[in-house]
Amino acid sequence: QVQPVESGGGLVQAGGSLRLSCAASGRTFSIYAMGWFRQAPGKEREFVADIRGSGSSAYYADSVKGRFTISRDNAKDTMYLQMNNLKPEDTAVYYCAADRAYFGSTWWEYRYWGQGTQVTVSS
């Protein structure tokens, strides 16, 4: 079992960068696939990126491909999302998710969730 905790959100101007972190306590962090999702007001939760437990492969939503990079440091039980060239449409609450058995873009398949961190991009 892991308990994800996000940090690193904030207010940034369009074109700027932020790095989100997700610390997940637990001695078996490396066996969990991890994902980032986001939810804007009035919209459904959407997939951003995910990464395998080993870090060997990662996938991105088309809307963030080339701008965002997901990574993880299993020695530190932490996952990251580096967000560059941010756009106003990236404004949302960003959530970290983890699961032992599932790896993919369907948010309801992930069992463990953080509380979310707000990212606001001004134009």
PDB file of N, CA and C in Angstrom:
ATOM      1  N   GLN A   1       0.838  -1.186   0.000  1.00  0.00           N
ATOM      2  CA  GLN A   1       0.000   0.000   0.000  1.00  0.00           C
ATOM      3  C   GLN A   1       0.875   1.239   0.000  1.00  0.00           C
ATOM      4  N   VAL A   2       0.467   2.253  -0.770  1.00  0.00           N
ATOM      5  CA  VAL A   2       1.190   3.525  -0.804  1.00  0.00           C
ATOM      6  C   VAL A   2       0.207   4.662  -0.596  1.00  0.00           C
ATOM      7  N   GLN A   3       0.711   5.763  -0.107  1.00  0.00           N
ATOM      8  CA  GLN A   3      -0.088   6.974   0.055  1.00  0.00           C
ATOM      9  C   GLN A   3       0.601   8.106  -0.683  1.00  0.00           C
ATOM     10  N   PRO A   4       0.112   8.462  -1.877  1.00  0.00           N
ATOM     11  CA  PRO A   4       0.750   9.535  -2.637  1.00  0.00           C
ATOM     12  C   PRO A   4       0.450  10.912  -2.050  1.00  0.00           C
ATOM     13  N   VAL A   5       1.444  11.791  -2.106  1.00  0.00           N
ATOM     14  CA  VAL A   5       1.285  13.169  -1.661  1.00  0.00           C
ATOM     15  C   VAL A   5       1.945  14.081  -2.692  1.00  0.00           C
ATOM     16  N   GLU A   6       1.153  14.934  -3.333  1.00  0.00           N
ATOM     17  CA  GLU A   6       1.662  15.839  -4.353  1.00  0.00           C
ATOM     18  C   GLU A   6       2.174  17.145  -3.743  1.00  0.00           C
ATOM     19  N   SER A   7       3.081  17.766  -4.458  1.00  0.00           N
ATOM     20  CA  SER A   7       3.563  19.100  -4.104  1.00  0.00           C
ATOM     21  C   SER A   7       4.116  19.763  -5.363  1.00  0.00           C
ATOM     22  N   GLY A   8       4.310  21.079  -5.283  1.00  0.00           N
ATOM     23  CA  GLY A   8       4.949  21.792  -6.370  1.00  0.00           C
ATOM     24  C   GLY A   8       4.040  22.623  -7.247  1.00  0.00           C
ATOM     25  N   GLY A   9       2.747  22.591  -6.977  1.00  0.00           N
ATOM     26  CA  GLY A   9       1.846  23.406  -7.776  1.00  0.00           C
ATOM     27  C   GLY A   9       2.017  24.881  -7.469  1.00  0.00           C
ATOM     28  N   GLY A  10       1.352  25.709  -8.275  1.00  0.00           N
ATOM     29  CA  GLY A  10       1.431  27.142  -8.051  1.00  0.00           C
ATOM     30  C   GLY A  10       0.907  27.920  -9.232  1.00  0.00           C
ATOM     31  N   LEU A  11       1.211  29.216  -9.210  1.00  0.00           N
ATOM     32  CA  LEU A  11       0.783  30.148 -10.266  1.00  0.00           C
ATOM     33  C   LEU A  11       1.988  30.485 -11.132  1.00  0.00           C
ATOM     34  N   VAL A  12       1.823  30.366 -12.433  1.00  0.00           N
ATOM     35  CA  VAL A  12       2.919  30.643 -13.359  1.00  0.00           C
ATOM     36  C   VAL A  12       2.353  31.303 -14.611  1.00  0.00           C
ATOM     37  N   GLN A  13       3.158  32.115 -15.254  1.00  0.00           N
ATOM     38  CA  GLN A  13       2.720  32.741 -16.494  1.00  0.00           C
ATOM     39  C   GLN A  13       2.843  31.760 -17.658  1.00  0.00           C
ATOM     40  N   ALA A  14       2.053  31.994 -18.683  1.00  0.00           N
ATOM     41  CA  ALA A  14       2.135  31.169 -19.878  1.00  0.00           C
ATOM     42  C   ALA A  14       3.559  31.172 -20.415  1.00  0.00           C
ATOM     43  N   GLY A  15       4.016  29.993 -20.814  1.00  0.00           N
ATOM     44  CA  GLY A  15       5.384  29.839 -21.274  1.00  0.00           C
ATOM     45  C   GLY A  15       6.356  29.435 -20.180  1.00  0.00           C
ATOM     46  N   GLY A  16       5.911  29.514 -18.940  1.00  0.00           N
ATOM     47  CA  GLY A  16       6.763  29.175 -17.818  1.00  0.00           C
ATOM     48  C   GLY A  16       6.812  27.689 -17.531  1.00  0.00           C
ATOM     49  N   SER A  17       7.488  27.336 -16.439  1.00  0.00           N
ATOM     50  CA  SER A  17       7.687  25.933 -16.065  1.00  0.00           C
ATOM     51  C   SER A  17       7.367  25.701 -14.597  1.00  0.00           C
ATOM     52  N   LEU A  18       6.970  24.489 -14.294  1.00  0.00           N
ATOM     53  CA  LEU A  18       6.787  24.020 -12.930  1.00  0.00           C
ATOM     54  C   LEU A  18       7.202  22.553 -12.871  1.00  0.00           C
ATOM     55  N   ARG A  19       7.628  22.113 -11.710  1.00  0.00           N
ATOM     56  CA  ARG A  19       7.890  20.695 -11.505  1.00  0.00           C
ATOM     57  C   ARG A  19       7.044  20.205 -10.333  1.00  0.00           C
ATOM     58  N   LEU A  20       6.196  19.253 -10.619  1.00  0.00           N
ATOM     59  CA  LEU A  20       5.392  18.627  -9.579  1.00  0.00           C
ATOM     60  C   LEU A  20       6.122  17.401  -9.051  1.00  0.00           C
ATOM     61  N   SER A  21       5.937  17.151  -7.769  1.00  0.00           N
ATOM     62  CA  SER A  21       6.487  15.955  -7.141  1.00  0.00           C
ATOM     63  C   SER A  21       5.355  15.154  -6.521  1.00  0.00           C
ATOM     64  N   CYS A  22       5.568  13.850  -6.463  1.00  0.00           N
ATOM     65  CA  CYS A  22       4.615  12.953  -5.805  1.00  0.00           C
ATOM     66  C   CYS A  22       5.419  11.992  -4.957  1.00  0.00           C
ATOM     67  N   ALA A  23       5.361  12.203  -3.658  1.00  0.00           N
ATOM     68  CA  ALA A  23       6.044  11.309  -2.730  1.00  0.00           C
ATOM     69  C   ALA A  23       5.074  10.232  -2.280  1.00  0.00           C
ATOM     70  N   ALA A  24       5.494   8.991  -2.381  1.00  0.00           N
ATOM     71  CA  ALA A  24       4.608   7.877  -2.036  1.00  0.00           C
ATOM     72  C   ALA A  24       5.313   6.975  -1.039  1.00  0.00           C
ATOM     73  N   SER A  25       4.889   7.041   0.191  1.00  0.00           N
ATOM     74  CA  SER A  25       5.512   6.241   1.235  1.00  0.00           C
ATOM     75  C   SER A  25       5.223   4.760   1.024  1.00  0.00           C
ATOM     76  N   GLY A  26       6.169   3.926   1.415  1.00  0.00           N
ATOM     77  CA  GLY A  26       5.998   2.490   1.247  1.00  0.00           C
ATOM     78  C   GLY A  26       7.289   1.855   0.770  1.00  0.00           C
ATOM     79  N   ARG A  27       7.630   0.709   1.282  1.00  0.00           N
ATOM     80  CA  ARG A  27       8.890   0.076   0.945  1.00  0.00           C
ATOM     81  C   ARG A  27       8.888  -0.552  -0.437  1.00  0.00           C
ATOM     82  N   THR A  28       7.703  -0.660  -1.063  1.00  0.00           N
ATOM     83  CA  THR A  28       7.620  -1.341  -2.348  1.00  0.00           C
ATOM     84  C   THR A  28       7.216  -0.376  -3.457  1.00  0.00           C
ATOM     85  N   PHE A  29       7.681   0.850  -3.372  1.00  0.00           N
ATOM     86  CA  PHE A  29       7.303   1.901  -4.325  1.00  0.00           C
ATOM     87  C   PHE A  29       7.555   1.470  -5.755  1.00  0.00           C
ATOM     88  N   SER A  30       8.635   0.767  -6.007  1.00  0.00           N
ATOM     89  CA  SER A  30       9.035   0.443  -7.374  1.00  0.00           C
ATOM     90  C   SER A  30       8.107  -0.534  -8.075  1.00  0.00           C
ATOM     91  N   ILE A  31       7.225  -1.203  -7.354  1.00  0.00           N
ATOM     92  CA  ILE A  31       6.322  -2.143  -8.008  1.00  0.00           C
ATOM     93  C   ILE A  31       5.025  -1.477  -8.457  1.00  0.00           C
ATOM     94  N   TYR A  32       4.885  -0.195  -8.139  1.00  0.00           N
ATOM     95  CA  TYR A  32       3.663   0.520  -8.496  1.00  0.00           C
ATOM     96  C   TYR A  32       3.849   1.328  -9.777  1.00  0.00           C
ATOM     97  N   ALA A  33       2.965   1.120 -10.722  1.00  0.00           N
ATOM     98  CA  ALA A  33       2.864   2.060 -11.823  1.00  0.00           C
ATOM     99  C   ALA A  33       2.277   3.360 -11.275  1.00  0.00           C
ATOM    100  N   MET A  34       2.733   4.467 -11.816  1.00  0.00           N
ATOM    101  CA  MET A  34       2.299   5.770 -11.325  1.00  0.00           C
ATOM    102  C   MET A  34       1.788   6.613 -12.487  1.00  0.00           C
ATOM    103  N   GLY A  35       0.836   7.462 -12.166  1.00  0.00           N
ATOM    104  CA  GLY A  35       0.302   8.321 -13.207  1.00  0.00           C
ATOM    105  C   GLY A  35      -0.020   9.709 -12.700  1.00  0.00           C
ATOM    106  N   TRP A  36      -0.051  10.643 -13.624  1.00  0.00           N
ATOM    107  CA  TRP A  36      -0.526  12.004 -13.357  1.00  0.00           C
ATOM    108  C   TRP A  36      -1.826  12.214 -14.130  1.00  0.00           C
ATOM    109  N   PHE A  37      -2.789  12.789 -13.423  1.00  0.00           N
ATOM    110  CA  PHE A  37      -4.060  13.142 -14.018  1.00  0.00           C
ATOM    111  C   PHE A  37      -4.372  14.579 -13.621  1.00  0.00           C
ATOM    112  N   ARG A  38      -5.293  15.204 -14.322  1.00  0.00           N
ATOM    113  CA  ARG A  38      -5.677  16.560 -13.973  1.00  0.00           C
ATOM    114  C   ARG A  38      -7.166  16.756 -14.196  1.00  0.00           C
ATOM    115  N   GLN A  39      -7.685  17.727 -13.449  1.00  0.00           N
ATOM    116  CA  GLN A  39      -9.105  18.035 -13.561  1.00  0.00           C
ATOM    117  C   GLN A  39      -9.301  19.530 -13.461  1.00  0.00           C
ATOM    118  N   ALA A  40      -9.857  20.089 -14.519  1.00  0.00           N
ATOM    119  CA  ALA A  40     -10.180  21.512 -14.543  1.00  0.00           C
ATOM    120  C   ALA A  40     -11.628  21.688 -14.095  1.00  0.00           C
ATOM    121  N   PRO A  41     -11.992  22.878 -13.623  1.00  0.00           N
ATOM    122  CA  PRO A  41     -13.363  23.120 -13.167  1.00  0.00           C
ATOM    123  C   PRO A  41     -14.382  22.801 -14.260  1.00  0.00           C
ATOM    124  N   GLY A  42     -15.376  22.011 -13.893  1.00  0.00           N
ATOM    125  CA  GLY A  42     -16.431  21.681 -14.829  1.00  0.00           C
ATOM    126  C   GLY A  42     -16.077  20.634 -15.861  1.00  0.00           C
ATOM    127  N   LYS A  43     -14.887  20.073 -15.746  1.00  0.00           N
ATOM    128  CA  LYS A  43     -14.451  19.070 -16.723  1.00  0.00           C
ATOM    129  C   LYS A  43     -14.150  17.752 -16.035  1.00  0.00           C
ATOM    130  N   GLU A  44     -14.112  16.688 -16.823  1.00  0.00           N
ATOM    131  CA  GLU A  44     -13.791  15.382 -16.279  1.00  0.00           C
ATOM    132  C   GLU A  44     -12.289  15.272 -16.019  1.00  0.00           C
ATOM    133  N   ARG A  45     -11.958  14.366 -15.130  1.00  0.00           N
ATOM    134  CA  ARG A  45     -10.548  14.079 -14.871  1.00  0.00           C
ATOM    135  C   ARG A  45      -9.931  13.474 -16.129  1.00  0.00           C
ATOM    136  N   GLU A  46      -8.734  13.930 -16.473  1.00  0.00           N
ATOM    137  CA  GLU A  46      -8.102  13.442 -17.698  1.00  0.00           C
ATOM    138  C   GLU A  46      -6.671  12.994 -17.448  1.00  0.00           C
ATOM    139  N   PHE A  47      -6.264  12.057 -18.275  1.00  0.00           N
ATOM    140  CA  PHE A  47      -4.926  11.507 -18.220  1.00  0.00           C
ATOM    141  C   PHE A  47      -3.909  12.526 -18.697  1.00  0.00           C
ATOM    142  N   VAL A  48      -2.768  12.568 -18.000  1.00  0.00           N
ATOM    143  CA  VAL A  48      -1.661  13.427 -18.403  1.00  0.00           C
ATOM    144  C   VAL A  48      -0.467  12.570 -18.836  1.00  0.00           C
ATOM    145  N   ALA A  49      -0.018  11.687 -17.944  1.00  0.00           N
ATOM    146  CA  ALA A  49       1.142  10.839 -18.237  1.00  0.00           C
ATOM    147  C   ALA A  49       1.193   9.709 -17.230  1.00  0.00           C
ATOM    148  N   ASP A  50       1.863   8.611 -17.614  1.00  0.00           N
ATOM    149  CA  ASP A  50       2.094   7.540 -16.650  1.00  0.00           C
ATOM    150  C   ASP A  50       3.456   6.896 -16.910  1.00  0.00           C
ATOM    151  N   ILE A  51       3.908   6.159 -15.912  1.00  0.00           N
ATOM    152  CA  ILE A  51       5.237   5.574 -15.974  1.00  0.00           C
ATOM    153  C   ILE A  51       5.231   4.240 -15.245  1.00  0.00           C
ATOM    154  N   ARG A  52       5.921   3.276 -15.801  1.00  0.00           N
ATOM    155  CA  ARG A  52       5.991   1.958 -15.184  1.00  0.00           C
ATOM    156  C   ARG A  52       6.823   2.002 -13.888  1.00  0.00           C
ATOM    157  N   GLY A  53       6.635   0.978 -13.072  1.00  0.00           N
ATOM    158  CA  GLY A  53       7.339   0.929 -11.803  1.00  0.00           C
ATOM    159  C   GLY A  53       8.850   1.018 -11.953  1.00  0.00           C
ATOM    160  N   SER A  54       9.368   0.388 -12.968  1.00  0.00           N
ATOM    161  CA  SER A  54      10.810   0.412 -13.221  1.00  0.00           C
ATOM    162  C   SER A  54      11.266   1.710 -13.860  1.00  0.00           C
ATOM    163  N   GLY A  55      10.328   2.481 -14.373  1.00  0.00           N
ATOM    164  CA  GLY A  55      10.673   3.693 -15.109  1.00  0.00           C
ATOM    165  C   GLY A  55      11.073   3.424 -16.545  1.00  0.00           C
ATOM    166  N   SER A  56      10.897   2.195 -17.003  1.00  0.00           N
ATOM    167  CA  SER A  56      11.380   1.785 -18.319  1.00  0.00           C
ATOM    168  C   SER A  56      10.554   2.361 -19.466  1.00  0.00           C
ATOM    169  N   SER A  57       9.322   2.714 -19.203  1.00  0.00           N
ATOM    170  CA  SER A  57       8.504   3.295 -20.260  1.00  0.00           C
ATOM    171  C   SER A  57       7.493   4.261 -19.674  1.00  0.00           C
ATOM    172  N   ALA A  58       7.124   5.215 -20.490  1.00  0.00           N
ATOM    173  CA  ALA A  58       6.196   6.245 -20.074  1.00  0.00           C
ATOM    174  C   ALA A  58       5.348   6.656 -21.271  1.00  0.00           C
ATOM    175  N   TYR A  59       4.153   7.142 -20.973  1.00  0.00           N
ATOM    176  CA  TYR A  59       3.236   7.564 -22.027  1.00  0.00           C
ATOM    177  C   TYR A  59       2.624   8.904 -21.656  1.00  0.00           C
ATOM    178  N   TYR A  60       2.245   9.643 -22.701  1.00  0.00           N
ATOM    179  CA  TYR A  60       1.745  10.999 -22.499  1.00  0.00           C
ATOM    180  C   TYR A  60       0.457  11.235 -23.280  1.00  0.00           C
ATOM    181  N   ALA A  61      -0.359  12.105 -22.743  1.00  0.00           N
ATOM    182  CA  ALA A  61      -1.488  12.599 -23.510  1.00  0.00           C
ATOM    183  C   ALA A  61      -0.957  13.470 -24.643  1.00  0.00           C
ATOM    184  N   ASP A  62      -1.661  13.462 -25.754  1.00  0.00           N
ATOM    185  CA  ASP A  62      -1.216  14.256 -26.903  1.00  0.00           C
ATOM    186  C   ASP A  62      -1.093  15.733 -26.558  1.00  0.00           C
ATOM    187  N   SER A  63      -1.952  16.201 -25.665  1.00  0.00           N
ATOM    188  CA  SER A  63      -1.974  17.624 -25.331  1.00  0.00           C
ATOM    189  C   SER A  63      -0.723  18.089 -24.593  1.00  0.00           C
ATOM    190  N   VAL A  64       0.028  17.160 -24.013  1.00  0.00           N
ATOM    191  CA  VAL A  64       1.214  17.562 -23.242  1.00  0.00           C
ATOM    192  C   VAL A  64       2.502  17.008 -23.827  1.00  0.00           C
ATOM    193  N   LYS A  65       2.391  16.164 -24.837  1.00  0.00           N
ATOM    194  CA  LYS A  65       3.567  15.530 -25.427  1.00  0.00           C
ATOM    195  C   LYS A  65       4.532  16.587 -25.942  1.00  0.00           C
ATOM    196  N   GLY A  66       5.802  16.434 -25.596  1.00  0.00           N
ATOM    197  CA  GLY A  66       6.819  17.385 -26.006  1.00  0.00           C
ATOM    198  C   GLY A  66       6.993  18.542 -25.047  1.00  0.00           C
ATOM    199  N   ARG A  67       6.065  18.709 -24.121  1.00  0.00           N
ATOM    200  CA  ARG A  67       6.163  19.801 -23.138  1.00  0.00           C
ATOM    201  C   ARG A  67       6.362  19.276 -21.716  1.00  0.00           C
ATOM    202  N   PHE A  68       5.747  18.144 -21.406  1.00  0.00           N
ATOM    203  CA  PHE A  68       5.820  17.563 -20.063  1.00  0.00           C
ATOM    204  C   PHE A  68       6.706  16.320 -20.093  1.00  0.00           C
ATOM    205  N   THR A  69       7.401  16.084 -18.977  1.00  0.00           N
ATOM    206  CA  THR A  69       8.209  14.879 -18.830  1.00  0.00           C
ATOM    207  C   THR A  69       7.939  14.248 -17.478  1.00  0.00           C
ATOM    208  N   ILE A  70       7.564  12.972 -17.501  1.00  0.00           N
ATOM    209  CA  ILE A  70       7.330  12.225 -16.268  1.00  0.00           C
ATOM    210  C   ILE A  70       8.584  11.413 -15.957  1.00  0.00           C
ATOM    211  N   SER A  71       8.912  11.324 -14.680  1.00  0.00           N
ATOM    212  CA  SER A  71      10.074  10.541 -14.270  1.00  0.00           C
ATOM    213  C   SER A  71       9.847  10.071 -12.839  1.00  0.00           C
ATOM    214  N   ARG A  72      10.706   9.182 -12.388  1.00  0.00           N
ATOM    215  CA  ARG A  72      10.600   8.705 -11.013  1.00  0.00           C
ATOM    216  C   ARG A  72      11.983   8.348 -10.495  1.00  0.00           C
ATOM    217  N   ASP A  73      12.131   8.494  -9.183  1.00  0.00           N
ATOM    218  CA  ASP A  73      13.354   8.102  -8.485  1.00  0.00           C
ATOM    219  C   ASP A  73      12.932   7.098  -7.424  1.00  0.00           C
ATOM    220  N   ASN A  74      13.095   5.825  -7.724  1.00  0.00           N
ATOM    221  CA  ASN A  74      12.618   4.796  -6.798  1.00  0.00           C
ATOM    222  C   ASN A  74      13.422   4.770  -5.498  1.00  0.00           C
ATOM    223  N   ALA A  75      14.626   5.271  -5.525  1.00  0.00           N
ATOM    224  CA  ALA A  75      15.415   5.340  -4.293  1.00  0.00           C
ATOM    225  C   ALA A  75      14.838   6.368  -3.327  1.00  0.00           C
ATOM    226  N   LYS A  76      14.116   7.352  -3.883  1.00  0.00           N
ATOM    227  CA  LYS A  76      13.517   8.403  -3.060  1.00  0.00           C
ATOM    228  C   LYS A  76      12.008   8.245  -2.944  1.00  0.00           C
ATOM    229  N   ASP A  77      11.451   7.165  -3.510  1.00  0.00           N
ATOM    230  CA  ASP A  77       9.996   6.938  -3.477  1.00  0.00           C
ATOM    231  C   ASP A  77       9.236   8.154  -4.003  1.00  0.00           C
ATOM    232  N   THR A  78       9.718   8.719  -5.086  1.00  0.00           N
ATOM    233  CA  THR A  78       9.137   9.962  -5.583  1.00  0.00           C
ATOM    234  C   THR A  78       9.017   9.931  -7.110  1.00  0.00           C
ATOM    235  N   MET A  79       7.918  10.475  -7.589  1.00  0.00           N
ATOM    236  CA  MET A  79       7.684  10.654  -9.007  1.00  0.00           C
ATOM    237  C   MET A  79       7.611  12.142  -9.300  1.00  0.00           C
ATOM    238  N   TYR A  80       7.947  12.518 -10.525  1.00  0.00           N
ATOM    239  CA  TYR A  80       7.979  13.923 -10.898  1.00  0.00           C
ATOM    240  C   TYR A  80       7.224  14.161 -12.201  1.00  0.00           C
ATOM    241  N   LEU A  81       6.796  15.401 -12.360  1.00  0.00           N
ATOM    242  CA  LEU A  81       6.247  15.836 -13.645  1.00  0.00           C
ATOM    243  C   LEU A  81       6.842  17.209 -13.934  1.00  0.00           C
ATOM    244  N   GLN A  82       7.765  17.245 -14.871  1.00  0.00           N
ATOM    245  CA  GLN A  82       8.347  18.502 -15.309  1.00  0.00           C
ATOM    246  C   GLN A  82       7.469  19.076 -16.399  1.00  0.00           C
ATOM    247  N   MET A  83       6.963  20.274 -16.163  1.00  0.00           N
ATOM    248  CA  MET A  83       6.033  20.905 -17.092  1.00  0.00           C
ATOM    249  C   MET A  83       6.670  22.172 -17.650  1.00  0.00           C
ATOM    250  N   ASN A  84       6.918  22.181 -18.946  1.00  0.00           N
ATOM    251  CA  ASN A  84       7.514  23.329 -19.621  1.00  0.00           C
ATOM    252  C   ASN A  84       6.536  23.924 -20.611  1.00  0.00           C
ATOM    253  N   ASN A  85       6.795  25.164 -20.992  1.00  0.00           N
ATOM    254  CA  ASN A  85       5.953  25.854 -21.963  1.00  0.00           C
ATOM    255  C   ASN A  85       4.475  25.723 -21.589  1.00  0.00           C
ATOM    256  N   LEU A  86       4.182  26.050 -20.353  1.00  0.00           N
ATOM    257  CA  LEU A  86       2.814  25.905 -19.858  1.00  0.00           C
ATOM    258  C   LEU A  86       1.859  26.850 -20.569  1.00  0.00           C
ATOM    259  N   LYS A  87       0.639  26.367 -20.723  1.00  0.00           N
ATOM    260  CA  LYS A  87      -0.409  27.117 -21.400  1.00  0.00           C
ATOM    261  C   LYS A  87      -1.581  27.324 -20.447  1.00  0.00           C
ATOM    262  N   PRO A  88      -2.392  28.343 -20.674  1.00  0.00           N
ATOM    263  CA  PRO A  88      -3.559  28.549 -19.793  1.00  0.00           C
ATOM    264  C   PRO A  88      -4.459  27.314 -19.721  1.00  0.00           C
ATOM    265  N   GLU A  89      -4.553  26.553 -20.779  1.00  0.00           N
ATOM    266  CA  GLU A  89      -5.401  25.367 -20.763  1.00  0.00           C
ATOM    267  C   GLU A  89      -4.825  24.218 -19.920  1.00  0.00           C
ATOM    268  N   ASP A  90      -3.615  24.391 -19.414  1.00  0.00           N
ATOM    269  CA  ASP A  90      -3.043  23.416 -18.481  1.00  0.00           C
ATOM    270  C   ASP A  90      -3.521  23.664 -17.048  1.00  0.00           C
ATOM    271  N   THR A  91      -4.231  24.756 -16.831  1.00  0.00           N
ATOM    272  CA  THR A  91      -4.747  25.072 -15.504  1.00  0.00           C
ATOM    273  C   THR A  91      -5.695  23.982 -15.022  1.00  0.00           C
ATOM    274  N   ALA A  92      -5.395  23.418 -13.851  1.00  0.00           N
ATOM    275  CA  ALA A  92      -6.193  22.316 -13.314  1.00  0.00           C
ATOM    276  C   ALA A  92      -5.623  21.916 -11.960  1.00  0.00           C
ATOM    277  N   VAL A  93      -6.360  21.069 -11.270  1.00  0.00           N
ATOM    278  CA  VAL A  93      -5.811  20.364 -10.124  1.00  0.00           C
ATOM    279  C   VAL A  93      -5.137  19.104 -10.659  1.00  0.00           C
ATOM    280  N   TYR A  94      -3.891  18.924 -10.296  1.00  0.00           N
ATOM    281  CA  TYR A  94      -3.124  17.770 -10.767  1.00  0.00           C
ATOM    282  C   TYR A  94      -3.053  16.723  -9.665  1.00  0.00           C
ATOM    283  N   TYR A  95      -3.375  15.488 -10.037  1.00  0.00           N
ATOM    284  CA  TYR A  95      -3.408  14.383  -9.094  1.00  0.00           C
ATOM    285  C   TYR A  95      -2.374  13.325  -9.463  1.00  0.00           C
ATOM    286  N   CYS A  96      -1.819  12.739  -8.437  1.00  0.00           N
ATOM    287  CA  CYS A  96      -0.898  11.620  -8.569  1.00  0.00           C
ATOM    288  C   CYS A  96      -1.660  10.345  -8.208  1.00  0.00           C
ATOM    289  N   ALA A  97      -1.439   9.285  -8.973  1.00  0.00           N
ATOM    290  CA  ALA A  97      -2.124   8.024  -8.729  1.00  0.00           C
ATOM    291  C   ALA A  97      -1.145   6.863  -8.818  1.00  0.00           C
ATOM    292  N   ALA A  98      -1.475   5.786  -8.123  1.00  0.00           N
ATOM    293  CA  ALA A  98      -0.610   4.610  -8.107  1.00  0.00           C
ATOM    294  C   ALA A  98      -1.450   3.338  -8.130  1.00  0.00           C
ATOM    295  N   ASP A  99      -0.899   2.313  -8.744  1.00  0.00           N
ATOM    296  CA  ASP A  99      -1.566   1.013  -8.739  1.00  0.00           C
ATOM    297  C   ASP A  99      -0.559  -0.087  -9.000  1.00  0.00           C
ATOM    298  N   ARG A 100      -0.745  -1.238  -8.354  1.00  0.00           N
ATOM    299  CA  ARG A 100       0.157  -2.369  -8.556  1.00  0.00           C
ATOM    300  C   ARG A 100      -0.175  -3.151  -9.803  1.00  0.00           C
ATOM    301  N   ALA A 101      -1.471  -3.192 -10.138  1.00  0.00           N
ATOM    302  CA  ALA A 101      -1.897  -4.108 -11.196  1.00  0.00           C
ATOM    303  C   ALA A 101      -2.207  -3.420 -12.518  1.00  0.00           C
ATOM    304  N   TYR A 102      -2.413  -2.108 -12.491  1.00  0.00           N
ATOM    305  CA  TYR A 102      -2.854  -1.418 -13.693  1.00  0.00           C
ATOM    306  C   TYR A 102      -1.830  -0.408 -14.148  1.00  0.00           C
ATOM    307  N   PHE A 103      -1.666  -0.328 -15.462  1.00  0.00           N
ATOM    308  CA  PHE A 103      -0.811   0.692 -16.066  1.00  0.00           C
ATOM    309  C   PHE A 103      -1.532   1.192 -17.304  1.00  0.00           C
ATOM    310  N   GLY A 104      -1.969   2.443 -17.257  1.00  0.00           N
ATOM    311  CA  GLY A 104      -2.702   2.967 -18.392  1.00  0.00           C
ATOM    312  C   GLY A 104      -3.297   4.319 -18.111  1.00  0.00           C
ATOM    313  N   SER A 105      -4.195   4.743 -18.994  1.00  0.00           N
ATOM    314  CA  SER A 105      -4.714   6.103 -18.953  1.00  0.00           C
ATOM    315  C   SER A 105      -6.120   6.231 -18.375  1.00  0.00           C
ATOM    316  N   THR A 106      -6.682   5.152 -17.864  1.00  0.00           N
ATOM    317  CA  THR A 106      -8.031   5.183 -17.312  1.00  0.00           C
ATOM    318  C   THR A 106      -7.976   5.485 -15.831  1.00  0.00           C
ATOM    319  N   TRP A 107      -8.467   6.661 -15.434  1.00  0.00           N
ATOM    320  CA  TRP A 107      -8.190   7.116 -14.079  1.00  0.00           C
ATOM    321  C   TRP A 107      -8.825   6.228 -13.019  1.00  0.00           C
ATOM    322  N   TRP A 108     -10.022   5.691 -13.308  1.00  0.00           N
ATOM    323  CA  TRP A 108     -10.718   4.940 -12.262  1.00  0.00           C
ATOM    324  C   TRP A 108     -10.099   3.565 -12.018  1.00  0.00           C
ATOM    325  N   GLU A 109      -9.140   3.185 -12.819  1.00  0.00           N
ATOM    326  CA  GLU A 109      -8.450   1.923 -12.586  1.00  0.00           C
ATOM    327  C   GLU A 109      -7.344   2.030 -11.530  1.00  0.00           C
ATOM    328  N   TYR A 110      -6.929   3.261 -11.223  1.00  0.00           N
ATOM    329  CA  TYR A 110      -5.879   3.448 -10.224  1.00  0.00           C
ATOM    330  C   TYR A 110      -6.483   3.410  -8.824  1.00  0.00           C
ATOM    331  N   ARG A 111      -5.816   2.702  -7.932  1.00  0.00           N
ATOM    332  CA  ARG A 111      -6.388   2.496  -6.600  1.00  0.00           C
ATOM    333  C   ARG A 111      -6.019   3.599  -5.608  1.00  0.00           C
ATOM    334  N   TYR A 112      -4.803   4.096  -5.660  1.00  0.00           N
ATOM    335  CA  TYR A 112      -4.322   5.058  -4.657  1.00  0.00           C
ATOM    336  C   TYR A 112      -4.160   6.443  -5.275  1.00  0.00           C
ATOM    337  N   TRP A 113      -4.649   7.453  -4.537  1.00  0.00           N
ATOM    338  CA  TRP A 113      -4.658   8.826  -5.039  1.00  0.00           C
ATOM    339  C   TRP A 113      -4.151   9.803  -4.005  1.00  0.00           C
ATOM    340  N   GLY A 114      -3.506  10.849  -4.501  1.00  0.00           N
ATOM    341  CA  GLY A 114      -3.152  11.959  -3.650  1.00  0.00           C
ATOM    342  C   GLY A 114      -4.294  12.947  -3.564  1.00  0.00           C
ATOM    343  N   GLN A 115      -4.073  14.009  -2.816  1.00  0.00           N
ATOM    344  CA  GLN A 115      -5.122  15.005  -2.582  1.00  0.00           C
ATOM    345  C   GLN A 115      -5.176  16.065  -3.673  1.00  0.00           C
ATOM    346  N   GLY A 116      -4.150  16.113  -4.510  1.00  0.00           N
ATOM    347  CA  GLY A 116      -4.122  17.064  -5.618  1.00  0.00           C
ATOM    348  C   GLY A 116      -3.356  18.327  -5.288  1.00  0.00           C
ATOM    349  N   THR A 117      -2.819  18.943  -6.336  1.00  0.00           N
ATOM    350  CA  THR A 117      -2.128  20.225  -6.199  1.00  0.00           C
ATOM    351  C   THR A 117      -2.559  21.123  -7.348  1.00  0.00           C
ATOM    352  N   GLN A 118      -2.842  22.398  -7.026  1.00  0.00           N
ATOM    353  CA  GLN A 118      -3.384  23.319  -8.021  1.00  0.00           C
ATOM    354  C   GLN A 118      -2.270  23.905  -8.881  1.00  0.00           C
ATOM    355  N   VAL A 119      -2.487  23.869 -10.178  1.00  0.00           N
ATOM    356  CA  VAL A 119      -1.611  24.543 -11.134  1.00  0.00           C
ATOM    357  C   VAL A 119      -2.451  25.569 -11.878  1.00  0.00           C
ATOM    358  N   THR A 120      -2.016  26.816 -11.833  1.00  0.00           N
ATOM    359  CA  THR A 120      -2.725  27.892 -12.510  1.00  0.00           C
ATOM    360  C   THR A 120      -1.766  28.594 -13.455  1.00  0.00           C
ATOM    361  N   VAL A 121      -2.139  28.663 -14.727  1.00  0.00           N
ATOM    362  CA  VAL A 121      -1.303  29.302 -15.738  1.00  0.00           C
ATOM    363  C   VAL A 121      -2.030  30.541 -16.240  1.00  0.00           C
ATOM    364  N   SER A 122      -1.415  31.688 -16.035  1.00  0.00           N
ATOM    365  CA  SER A 122      -2.031  32.946 -16.455  1.00  0.00           C
ATOM    366  C   SER A 122      -1.567  33.323 -17.859  1.00  0.00           C
ATOM    367  N   SER A 123      -2.453  33.984 -18.580  1.00  0.00           N
ATOM    368  CA  SER A 123      -2.122  34.359 -19.963  1.00  0.00           C
ATOM    369  C   SER A 123      -1.469  35.724 -20.023  1.00  0.00           C
TER     370      SER A 123
END
